Each structure stands twice: as C-alpha cells, then as structure tokens.
C-alpha cells in the first residue's frame, strides 16, 4: 500500500473542512433566505457556524486522546463559511 505524505493528508483534510463548512453554512443560508432581515440572519448564521467550528475543535482536543485541535482547521472552516456567502450571493439572490 502506498504511503501518503503528511502534506497530502493535511491539504485534503483542510479541503474537507472547507467543503463541509461551506455546505453547512449554505444550507443555513438557504433555510433563512426569505427572512425579512436578511443581513441579521446572515450574520447570526456566520457567527453560529464559526463558534460551532471552534467548539468542535476544542472538544476534539480536550476530550479525545487520539485527535488534536488545530488552528488551521478553524481557519479552513472560516474559509468555507466565507465561500458559502460568496456562492449564496452569486447564485441565490433574493428576488
């Protein structure tokens, strides 16, 4: 079986984080797409998903002995959140 280099695993892990948080945030944005105060709900969604990502990282670093918290994962999560806002504004404009 071929051995994967550490950099390949780290890059694919970050892409998984970006994709997962992009989809998670996009789902929330679509769920609240027609709310009257769209900006307020968008900011709440951003804050909620970002805090969720931080909590998950802290928990995996504190309550497991086989996983560790990673600040770069939090950054990848935030990039995914940002991408979802870009996709949402480009493809799901409220009419």
PDB file of N, CA and C in Angstrom:
ATOM      1  N   UNK A   1       0.850  -1.169   0.000  1.00  0.00           N
ATOM      2  CA  UNK A   1       0.000   0.000   0.000  1.00  0.00           C
ATOM      3  C   UNK A   1       0.903   1.243   0.000  1.00  0.00           C
ATOM      4  N   UNK A   2       0.648   2.211  -0.919  1.00  0.00           N
ATOM      5  CA  UNK A   2       1.496   3.408  -0.956  1.00  0.00           C
ATOM      6  C   UNK A   2       1.284   4.282   0.265  1.00  0.00           C
ATOM      7  N   UNK A   3       2.379   4.871   0.703  1.00  0.00           N
ATOM      8  CA  UNK A   3       2.324   5.756   1.870  1.00  0.00           C
ATOM      9  C   UNK A   3       1.983   7.172   1.434  1.00  0.00           C
ATOM     10  N   UNK A   4       1.056   7.799   2.130  1.00  0.00           N
ATOM     11  CA  UNK A   4       0.716   9.189   1.852  1.00  0.00           C
ATOM     12  C   UNK A   4       1.654  10.101   2.619  1.00  0.00           C
ATOM     13  N   UNK A   5       2.055  11.157   1.965  1.00  0.00           N
ATOM     14  CA  UNK A   5       2.877  12.134   2.657  1.00  0.00           C
ATOM     15  C   UNK A   5       2.004  12.971   3.576  1.00  0.00           C
ATOM     16  N   UNK A   6       2.617  13.497   4.630  1.00  0.00           N
ATOM     17  CA  UNK A   6       1.884  14.297   5.608  1.00  0.00           C
ATOM     18  C   UNK A   6       1.236  15.509   4.948  1.00  0.00           C
ATOM     19  N   UNK A   7       1.926  16.159   4.021  1.00  0.00           N
ATOM     20  CA  UNK A   7       1.365  17.360   3.388  1.00  0.00           C
ATOM     21  C   UNK A   7       0.121  17.031   2.583  1.00  0.00           C
ATOM     22  N   UNK A   8       0.088  15.875   1.927  1.00  0.00           N
ATOM     23  CA  UNK A   8      -1.099  15.482   1.171  1.00  0.00           C
ATOM     24  C   UNK A   8      -2.291  15.285   2.101  1.00  0.00           C
ATOM     25  N   UNK A   9      -2.059  14.641   3.211  1.00  0.00           N
ATOM     26  CA  UNK A   9      -3.136  14.404   4.169  1.00  0.00           C
ATOM     27  C   UNK A   9      -3.622  15.729   4.744  1.00  0.00           C
ATOM     28  N   UNK A  10      -2.719  16.622   5.088  1.00  0.00           N
ATOM     29  CA  UNK A  10      -3.109  17.900   5.669  1.00  0.00           C
ATOM     30  C   UNK A  10      -3.903  18.732   4.676  1.00  0.00           C
ATOM     31  N   UNK A  11      -3.479  18.750   3.415  1.00  0.00           N
ATOM     32  CA  UNK A  11      -4.199  19.532   2.411  1.00  0.00           C
ATOM     33  C   UNK A  11      -5.586  18.952   2.188  1.00  0.00           C
ATOM     34  N   UNK A  12      -5.693  17.639   2.069  1.00  0.00           N
ATOM     35  CA  UNK A  12      -7.012  17.044   1.852  1.00  0.00           C
ATOM     36  C   UNK A  12      -7.905  17.241   3.074  1.00  0.00           C
ATOM     37  N   UNK A  13      -7.323  17.219   4.265  1.00  0.00           N
ATOM     38  CA  UNK A  13      -8.096  17.476   5.483  1.00  0.00           C
ATOM     39  C   UNK A  13      -8.652  18.895   5.474  1.00  0.00           C
ATOM     40  N   UNK A  14      -7.844  19.840   5.057  1.00  0.00           N
ATOM     41  CA  UNK A  14      -8.312  21.242   5.015  1.00  0.00           C
ATOM     42  C   UNK A  14      -9.393  21.410   3.956  1.00  0.00           C
ATOM     43  N   UNK A  15      -9.262  20.724   2.826  1.00  0.00           N
ATOM     44  CA  UNK A  15     -10.302  20.791   1.789  1.00  0.00           C
ATOM     45  C   UNK A  15     -11.617  20.192   2.285  1.00  0.00           C
ATOM     46  N   UNK A  16     -11.525  19.146   3.089  1.00  0.00           N
ATOM     47  CA  UNK A  16     -12.731  18.561   3.689  1.00  0.00           C
ATOM     48  C   UNK A  16     -13.376  19.566   4.634  1.00  0.00           C
ATOM     49  N   UNK A  17     -12.578  20.238   5.450  1.00  0.00           N
ATOM     50  CA  UNK A  17     -13.110  21.263   6.358  1.00  0.00           C
ATOM     51  C   UNK A  17     -13.772  22.394   5.573  1.00  0.00           C
ATOM     52  N   UNK A  18     -13.095  22.875   4.542  1.00  0.00           N
ATOM     53  CA  UNK A  18     -13.649  23.965   3.730  1.00  0.00           C
ATOM     54  C   UNK A  18     -14.974  23.535   3.109  1.00  0.00           C
ATOM     55  N   UNK A  19     -15.003  22.351   2.519  1.00  0.00           N
ATOM     56  CA  UNK A  19     -16.226  21.858   1.866  1.00  0.00           C
ATOM     57  C   UNK A  19     -17.361  21.660   2.858  1.00  0.00           C
ATOM     58  N   UNK A  20     -17.051  21.044   3.986  1.00  0.00           N
ATOM     59  CA  UNK A  20     -18.093  20.758   4.975  1.00  0.00           C
ATOM     60  C   UNK A  20     -18.711  22.038   5.529  1.00  0.00           C
ATOM     61  N   UNK A  21     -17.880  23.002   5.867  1.00  0.00           N
ATOM     62  CA  UNK A  21     -18.411  24.239   6.445  1.00  0.00           C
ATOM     63  C   UNK A  21     -19.062  25.126   5.392  1.00  0.00           C
ATOM     64  N   UNK A  22     -18.620  25.011   4.157  1.00  0.00           N
ATOM     65  CA  UNK A  22     -19.289  25.728   3.075  1.00  0.00           C
ATOM     66  C   UNK A  22     -20.707  25.175   2.900  1.00  0.00           C
ATOM     67  N   UNK A  23     -20.837  23.858   2.857  1.00  0.00           N
ATOM     68  CA  UNK A  23     -22.162  23.244   2.695  1.00  0.00           C
ATOM     69  C   UNK A  23     -23.053  23.484   3.909  1.00  0.00           C
ATOM     70  N   UNK A  24     -22.491  23.376   5.102  1.00  0.00           N
ATOM     71  CA  UNK A  24     -23.267  23.616   6.317  1.00  0.00           C
ATOM     72  C   UNK A  24     -23.831  25.032   6.328  1.00  0.00           C
ATOM     73  N   UNK A  25     -22.977  26.006   6.050  1.00  0.00           N
ATOM     74  CA  UNK A  25     -23.412  27.404   6.062  1.00  0.00           C
ATOM     75  C   UNK A  25     -24.389  27.683   4.934  1.00  0.00           C
ATOM     76  N   UNK A  26     -24.131  27.129   3.760  1.00  0.00           N
ATOM     77  CA  UNK A  26     -25.030  27.335   2.623  1.00  0.00           C
ATOM     78  C   UNK A  26     -26.425  26.786   2.922  1.00  0.00           C
ATOM     79  N   UNK A  27     -26.484  25.652   3.583  1.00  0.00           N
ATOM     80  CA  UNK A  27     -27.791  25.094   3.972  1.00  0.00           C
ATOM     81  C   UNK A  27     -28.537  26.027   4.913  1.00  0.00           C
ATOM     82  N   UNK A  28     -27.830  26.586   5.886  1.00  0.00           N
ATOM     83  CA  UNK A  28     -28.468  27.531   6.806  1.00  0.00           C
ATOM     84  C   UNK A  28     -28.924  28.781   6.067  1.00  0.00           C
ATOM     85  N   UNK A  29     -28.085  29.287   5.170  1.00  0.00           N
ATOM     86  CA  UNK A  29     -28.457  30.486   4.414  1.00  0.00           C
ATOM     87  C   UNK A  29     -29.696  30.237   3.560  1.00  0.00           C
ATOM     88  N   UNK A  30     -29.761  29.071   2.946  1.00  0.00           N
ATOM     89  CA  UNK A  30     -30.938  28.744   2.130  1.00  0.00           C
ATOM     90  C   UNK A  30     -32.184  28.573   2.992  1.00  0.00           C
ATOM     91  N   UNK A  31     -32.011  28.057   4.187  1.00  0.00           N
ATOM     92  CA  UNK A  31     -33.157  27.873   5.081  1.00  0.00           C
ATOM     93  C   UNK A  31     -33.764  29.205   5.499  1.00  0.00           C
ATOM     94  N   UNK A  32     -32.935  30.235   5.612  1.00  0.00           N
ATOM     95  CA  UNK A  32     -33.421  31.544   6.056  1.00  0.00           C
ATOM     96  C   UNK A  32     -33.384  32.589   4.941  1.00  0.00           C
ATOM     97  N   UNK A  33     -33.436  32.138   3.720  1.00  0.00           N
ATOM     98  CA  UNK A  33     -33.316  33.010   2.555  1.00  0.00           C
ATOM     99  C   UNK A  33     -34.401  34.070   2.472  1.00  0.00           C
ATOM    100  N   UNK A  34     -35.589  33.773   2.921  1.00  0.00           N
ATOM    101  CA  UNK A  34     -36.715  34.689   2.747  1.00  0.00           C
ATOM    102  C   UNK A  34     -37.070  35.468   4.013  1.00  0.00           C
ATOM    103  N   UNK A  35     -36.203  35.462   4.984  1.00  0.00           N
ATOM    104  CA  UNK A  35     -36.479  36.221   6.207  1.00  0.00           C
ATOM    105  C   UNK A  35     -36.403  37.715   5.927  1.00  0.00           C
ATOM    106  N   UNK A  36     -37.181  38.480   6.670  1.00  0.00           N
ATOM    107  CA  UNK A  36     -37.278  39.926   6.445  1.00  0.00           C
ATOM    108  C   UNK A  36     -35.932  40.622   6.638  1.00  0.00           C
ATOM    109  N   UNK A  37     -35.256  40.316   7.722  1.00  0.00           N
ATOM    110  CA  UNK A  37     -33.976  40.965   7.997  1.00  0.00           C
ATOM    111  C   UNK A  37     -32.846  40.014   7.601  1.00  0.00           C
ATOM    112  N   UNK A  38     -32.585  39.966   6.309  1.00  0.00           N
ATOM    113  CA  UNK A  38     -31.623  39.012   5.764  1.00  0.00           C
ATOM    114  C   UNK A  38     -30.213  39.218   6.324  1.00  0.00           C
ATOM    115  N   UNK A  39     -29.794  40.461   6.480  1.00  0.00           N
ATOM    116  CA  UNK A  39     -28.451  40.737   6.993  1.00  0.00           C
ATOM    117  C   UNK A  39     -28.294  40.220   8.420  1.00  0.00           C
ATOM    118  N   UNK A  40     -29.297  40.452   9.247  1.00  0.00           N
ATOM    119  CA  UNK A  40     -29.244  39.998  10.637  1.00  0.00           C
ATOM    120  C   UNK A  40     -29.120  38.472  10.695  1.00  0.00           C
ATOM    121  N   UNK A  41     -29.948  37.772   9.920  1.00  0.00           N
ATOM    122  CA  UNK A  41     -29.893  36.311   9.924  1.00  0.00           C
ATOM    123  C   UNK A  41     -28.577  35.804   9.339  1.00  0.00           C
ATOM    124  N   UNK A  42     -28.066  36.469   8.321  1.00  0.00           N
ATOM    125  CA  UNK A  42     -26.790  36.062   7.728  1.00  0.00           C
ATOM    126  C   UNK A  42     -25.656  36.187   8.735  1.00  0.00           C
ATOM    127  N   UNK A  43     -25.630  37.276   9.472  1.00  0.00           N
ATOM    128  CA  UNK A  43     -24.586  37.462  10.480  1.00  0.00           C
ATOM    129  C   UNK A  43     -24.724  36.460  11.623  1.00  0.00           C
ATOM    130  N   UNK A  44     -25.955  36.172  12.010  1.00  0.00           N
ATOM    131  CA  UNK A  44     -26.172  35.167  13.059  1.00  0.00           C
ATOM    132  C   UNK A  44     -25.722  33.787  12.594  1.00  0.00           C
ATOM    133  N   UNK A  45     -26.001  33.464  11.341  1.00  0.00           N
ATOM    134  CA  UNK A  45     -25.573  32.179  10.790  1.00  0.00           C
ATOM    135  C   UNK A  45     -24.049  32.105  10.770  1.00  0.00           C
ATOM    136  N   UNK A  46     -23.407  33.158  10.292  1.00  0.00           N
ATOM    137  CA  UNK A  46     -21.947  33.201  10.262  1.00  0.00           C
ATOM    138  C   UNK A  46     -21.385  32.982  11.661  1.00  0.00           C
ATOM    139  N   UNK A  47     -21.904  33.704  12.623  1.00  0.00           N
ATOM    140  CA  UNK A  47     -21.431  33.603  13.998  1.00  0.00           C
ATOM    141  C   UNK A  47     -21.678  32.209  14.572  1.00  0.00           C
ATOM    142  N   UNK A  48     -22.879  31.679  14.374  1.00  0.00           N
ATOM    143  CA  UNK A  48     -23.231  30.361  14.895  1.00  0.00           C
ATOM    144  C   UNK A  48     -22.314  29.277  14.335  1.00  0.00           C
ATOM    145  N   UNK A  49     -22.142  29.250  13.019  1.00  0.00           N
ATOM    146  CA  UNK A  49     -21.338  28.196  12.397  1.00  0.00           C
ATOM    147  C   UNK A  49     -19.865  28.342  12.786  1.00  0.00           C
ATOM    148  N   UNK A  50     -19.371  29.571  12.871  1.00  0.00           N
ATOM    149  CA  UNK A  50     -17.977  29.790  13.264  1.00  0.00           C
ATOM    150  C   UNK A  50     -17.738  29.322  14.700  1.00  0.00           C
ATOM    151  N   UNK A  51     -18.626  29.686  15.609  1.00  0.00           N
ATOM    152  CA  UNK A  51     -18.490  29.256  17.009  1.00  0.00           C
ATOM    153  C   UNK A  51     -18.617  27.739  17.119  1.00  0.00           C
ATOM    154  N   UNK A  52     -19.534  27.158  16.356  1.00  0.00           N
ATOM    155  CA  UNK A  52     -19.686  25.703  16.321  1.00  0.00           C
ATOM    156  C   UNK A  52     -18.354  25.038  15.938  1.00  0.00           C
ATOM    157  N   UNK A  53     -17.697  25.565  14.907  1.00  0.00           N
ATOM    158  CA  UNK A  53     -16.419  25.010  14.467  1.00  0.00           C
ATOM    159  C   UNK A  53     -15.346  25.105  15.534  1.00  0.00           C
ATOM    160  N   UNK A  54     -15.311  26.216  16.242  1.00  0.00           N
ATOM    161  CA  UNK A  54     -14.330  26.389  17.319  1.00  0.00           C
ATOM    162  C   UNK A  54     -14.612  25.406  18.456  1.00  0.00           C
ATOM    163  N   UNK A  55     -15.873  25.283  18.835  1.00  0.00           N
ATOM    164  CA  UNK A  55     -16.246  24.362  19.917  1.00  0.00           C
ATOM    165  C   UNK A  55     -15.862  22.929  19.556  1.00  0.00           C
ATOM    166  N   UNK A  56     -16.138  22.522  18.331  1.00  0.00           N
ATOM    167  CA  UNK A  56     -15.790  21.165  17.900  1.00  0.00           C
ATOM    168  C   UNK A  56     -14.275  20.951  17.967  1.00  0.00           C
ATOM    169  N   UNK A  57     -13.503  21.932  17.535  1.00  0.00           N
ATOM    170  CA  UNK A  57     -12.039  21.813  17.599  1.00  0.00           C
ATOM    171  C   UNK A  57     -11.557  21.703  19.047  1.00  0.00           C
ATOM    172  N   UNK A  58     -12.094  22.531  19.918  1.00  0.00           N
ATOM    173  CA  UNK A  58     -11.695  22.494  21.329  1.00  0.00           C
ATOM    174  C   UNK A  58     -12.070  21.148  21.946  1.00  0.00           C
ATOM    175  N   UNK A  59     -13.271  20.673  21.662  1.00  0.00           N
ATOM    176  CA  UNK A  59     -13.705  19.391  22.219  1.00  0.00           C
ATOM    177  C   UNK A  59     -12.833  18.242  21.742  1.00  0.00           C
ATOM    178  N   UNK A  60     -12.510  18.219  20.461  1.00  0.00           N
ATOM    179  CA  UNK A  60     -11.695  17.101  19.986  1.00  0.00           C
ATOM    180  C   UNK A  60     -10.281  17.164  20.547  1.00  0.00           C
ATOM    181  N   UNK A  61      -9.836  18.351  20.920  1.00  0.00           N
ATOM    182  CA  UNK A  61      -8.515  18.468  21.533  1.00  0.00           C
ATOM    183  C   UNK A  61      -8.500  18.181  23.016  1.00  0.00           C
ATOM    184  N   UNK A  62      -9.678  18.248  23.659  1.00  0.00           N
ATOM    185  CA  UNK A  62      -9.709  18.068  25.115  1.00  0.00           C
ATOM    186  C   UNK A  62     -10.327  16.753  25.563  1.00  0.00           C
ATOM    187  N   UNK A  63     -11.326  16.253  24.859  1.00  0.00           N
ATOM    188  CA  UNK A  63     -11.996  15.045  25.360  1.00  0.00           C
ATOM    189  C   UNK A  63     -11.566  13.770  24.643  1.00  0.00           C
ATOM    190  N   UNK A  64     -10.724  13.884  23.633  1.00  0.00           N
ATOM    191  CA  UNK A  64     -10.207  12.678  22.987  1.00  0.00           C
ATOM    192  C   UNK A  64      -8.699  12.633  23.171  1.00  0.00           C
ATOM    193  N   UNK A  65      -8.177  11.429  23.139  1.00  0.00           N
ATOM    194  CA  UNK A  65      -6.724  11.301  23.225  1.00  0.00           C
ATOM    195  C   UNK A  65      -6.125  10.894  21.881  1.00  0.00           C
ATOM    196  N   UNK A  66      -6.944  10.787  20.864  1.00  0.00           N
ATOM    197  CA  UNK A  66      -6.457  10.391  19.550  1.00  0.00           C
ATOM    198  C   UNK A  66      -6.657  11.482  18.496  1.00  0.00           C
ATOM    199  N   UNK A  67      -7.193  12.630  18.888  1.00  0.00           N
ATOM    200  CA  UNK A  67      -7.372  13.771  17.974  1.00  0.00           C
ATOM    201  C   UNK A  67      -6.798  14.998  18.645  1.00  0.00           C
ATOM    202  N   UNK A  68      -6.512  15.995  17.841  1.00  0.00           N
ATOM    203  CA  UNK A  68      -5.989  17.236  18.409  1.00  0.00           C
ATOM    204  C   UNK A  68      -6.670  18.427  17.761  1.00  0.00           C
ATOM    205  N   UNK A  69      -6.746  19.498  18.507  1.00  0.00           N
ATOM    206  CA  UNK A  69      -7.298  20.740  17.979  1.00  0.00           C
ATOM    207  C   UNK A  69      -6.263  21.374  17.063  1.00  0.00           C
ATOM    208  N   UNK A  70      -6.734  22.018  16.013  1.00  0.00           N
ATOM    209  CA  UNK A  70      -5.827  22.614  15.039  1.00  0.00           C
ATOM    210  C   UNK A  70      -6.370  23.973  14.616  1.00  0.00           C
ATOM    211  N   UNK A  71      -5.582  25.003  14.832  1.00  0.00           N
ATOM    212  CA  UNK A  71      -5.983  26.353  14.458  1.00  0.00           C
ATOM    213  C   UNK A  71      -6.186  26.473  12.948  1.00  0.00           C
ATOM    214  N   UNK A  72      -5.420  25.713  12.173  1.00  0.00           N
ATOM    215  CA  UNK A  72      -5.595  25.742  10.718  1.00  0.00           C
ATOM    216  C   UNK A  72      -6.937  25.143  10.301  1.00  0.00           C
ATOM    217  N   UNK A  73      -7.458  24.202  11.091  1.00  0.00           N
ATOM    218  CA  UNK A  73      -8.804  23.687  10.824  1.00  0.00           C
ATOM    219  C   UNK A  73      -9.841  24.788  11.023  1.00  0.00           C
ATOM    220  N   UNK A  74      -9.665  25.586  12.064  1.00  0.00           N
ATOM    221  CA  UNK A  74     -10.581  26.707  12.313  1.00  0.00           C
ATOM    222  C   UNK A  74     -10.509  27.694  11.149  1.00  0.00           C
ATOM    223  N   UNK A  75      -9.310  27.954  10.663  1.00  0.00           N
ATOM    224  CA  UNK A  75      -9.152  28.846   9.513  1.00  0.00           C
ATOM    225  C   UNK A  75      -9.823  28.255   8.272  1.00  0.00           C
ATOM    226  N   UNK A  76      -9.637  26.961   8.047  1.00  0.00           N
ATOM    227  CA  UNK A  76     -10.286  26.302   6.907  1.00  0.00           C
ATOM    228  C   UNK A  76     -11.808  26.367   7.042  1.00  0.00           C
ATOM    229  N   UNK A  77     -12.310  26.196   8.260  1.00  0.00           N
ATOM    230  CA  UNK A  77     -13.754  26.316   8.494  1.00  0.00           C
ATOM    231  C   UNK A  77     -14.237  27.710   8.106  1.00  0.00           C
ATOM    232  N   UNK A  78     -13.490  28.723   8.510  1.00  0.00           N
ATOM    233  CA  UNK A  78     -13.878  30.102   8.222  1.00  0.00           C
ATOM    234  C   UNK A  78     -13.832  30.389   6.722  1.00  0.00           C
ATOM    235  N   UNK A  79     -12.859  29.824   6.034  1.00  0.00           N
ATOM    236  CA  UNK A  79     -12.797  29.977   4.577  1.00  0.00           C
ATOM    237  C   UNK A  79     -14.028  29.346   3.939  1.00  0.00           C
ATOM    238  N   UNK A  80     -14.427  28.175   4.419  1.00  0.00           N
ATOM    239  CA  UNK A  80     -15.637  27.523   3.908  1.00  0.00           C
ATOM    240  C   UNK A  80     -16.875  28.360   4.146  1.00  0.00           C
ATOM    241  N   UNK A  81     -16.956  28.973   5.321  1.00  0.00           N
ATOM    242  CA  UNK A  81     -18.084  29.852   5.643  1.00  0.00           C
ATOM    243  C   UNK A  81     -18.095  31.037   4.681  1.00  0.00           C
ATOM    244  N   UNK A  82     -16.937  31.637   4.467  1.00  0.00           N
ATOM    245  CA  UNK A  82     -16.840  32.773   3.552  1.00  0.00           C
ATOM    246  C   UNK A  82     -17.221  32.404   2.128  1.00  0.00           C
ATOM    247  N   UNK A  83     -16.760  31.240   1.670  1.00  0.00           N
ATOM    248  CA  UNK A  83     -17.117  30.790   0.325  1.00  0.00           C
ATOM    249  C   UNK A  83     -18.618  30.600   0.174  1.00  0.00           C
ATOM    250  N   UNK A  84     -19.255  30.099   1.218  1.00  0.00           N
ATOM    251  CA  UNK A  84     -20.707  29.895   1.132  1.00  0.00           C
ATOM    252  C   UNK A  84     -21.432  31.223   0.965  1.00  0.00           C
ATOM    253  N   UNK A  85     -20.955  32.271   1.628  1.00  0.00           N
ATOM    254  CA  UNK A  85     -21.574  33.584   1.469  1.00  0.00           C
ATOM    255  C   UNK A  85     -21.367  34.106   0.047  1.00  0.00           C
ATOM    256  N   UNK A  86     -20.209  33.843  -0.524  1.00  0.00           N
ATOM    257  CA  UNK A  86     -19.951  34.253  -1.908  1.00  0.00           C
ATOM    258  C   UNK A  86     -20.870  33.488  -2.860  1.00  0.00           C
ATOM    259  N   UNK A  87     -20.930  32.151  -2.713  1.00  0.00           N
ATOM    260  CA  UNK A  87     -21.810  31.347  -3.564  1.00  0.00           C
ATOM    261  C   UNK A  87     -23.261  31.782  -3.423  1.00  0.00           C
ATOM    262  N   UNK A  88     -23.665  32.001  -2.189  1.00  0.00           N
ATOM    263  CA  UNK A  88     -25.054  32.389  -1.934  1.00  0.00           C
ATOM    264  C   UNK A  88     -25.378  33.711  -2.613  1.00  0.00           C
ATOM    265  N   UNK A  89     -24.495  34.679  -2.492  1.00  0.00           N
ATOM    266  CA  UNK A  89     -24.777  35.992  -3.086  1.00  0.00           C
ATOM    267  C   UNK A  89     -24.743  35.935  -4.610  1.00  0.00           C
ATOM    268  N   UNK A  90     -23.960  35.031  -5.188  1.00  0.00           N
ATOM    269  CA  UNK A  90     -23.889  34.924  -6.642  1.00  0.00           C
ATOM    270  C   UNK A  90     -25.033  34.118  -7.249  1.00  0.00           C
ATOM    271  N   UNK A  91     -25.435  33.041  -6.590  1.00  0.00           N
ATOM    272  CA  UNK A  91     -26.370  32.100  -7.200  1.00  0.00           C
ATOM    273  C   UNK A  91     -27.765  32.070  -6.592  1.00  0.00           C
ATOM    274  N   UNK A  92     -27.937  32.604  -5.407  1.00  0.00           N
ATOM    275  CA  UNK A  92     -29.236  32.519  -4.739  1.00  0.00           C
ATOM    276  C   UNK A  92     -29.725  33.887  -4.307  1.00  0.00           C
ATOM    277  N   UNK A  93     -29.623  34.836  -5.178  1.00  0.00           N
ATOM    278  CA  UNK A  93     -30.070  36.188  -4.838  1.00  0.00           C
ATOM    279  C   UNK A  93     -31.568  36.193  -4.589  1.00  0.00           C
ATOM    280  N   UNK A  94     -31.955  36.948  -3.583  1.00  0.00           N
ATOM    281  CA  UNK A  94     -33.373  37.091  -3.255  1.00  0.00           C
ATOM    282  C   UNK A  94     -34.013  38.034  -4.259  1.00  0.00           C
ATOM    283  N   UNK A  95     -35.140  37.630  -4.819  1.00  0.00           N
ATOM    284  CA  UNK A  95     -35.809  38.447  -5.838  1.00  0.00           C
ATOM    285  C   UNK A  95     -37.041  39.112  -5.305  1.00  0.00           C
TER     286      UNK A  95
END
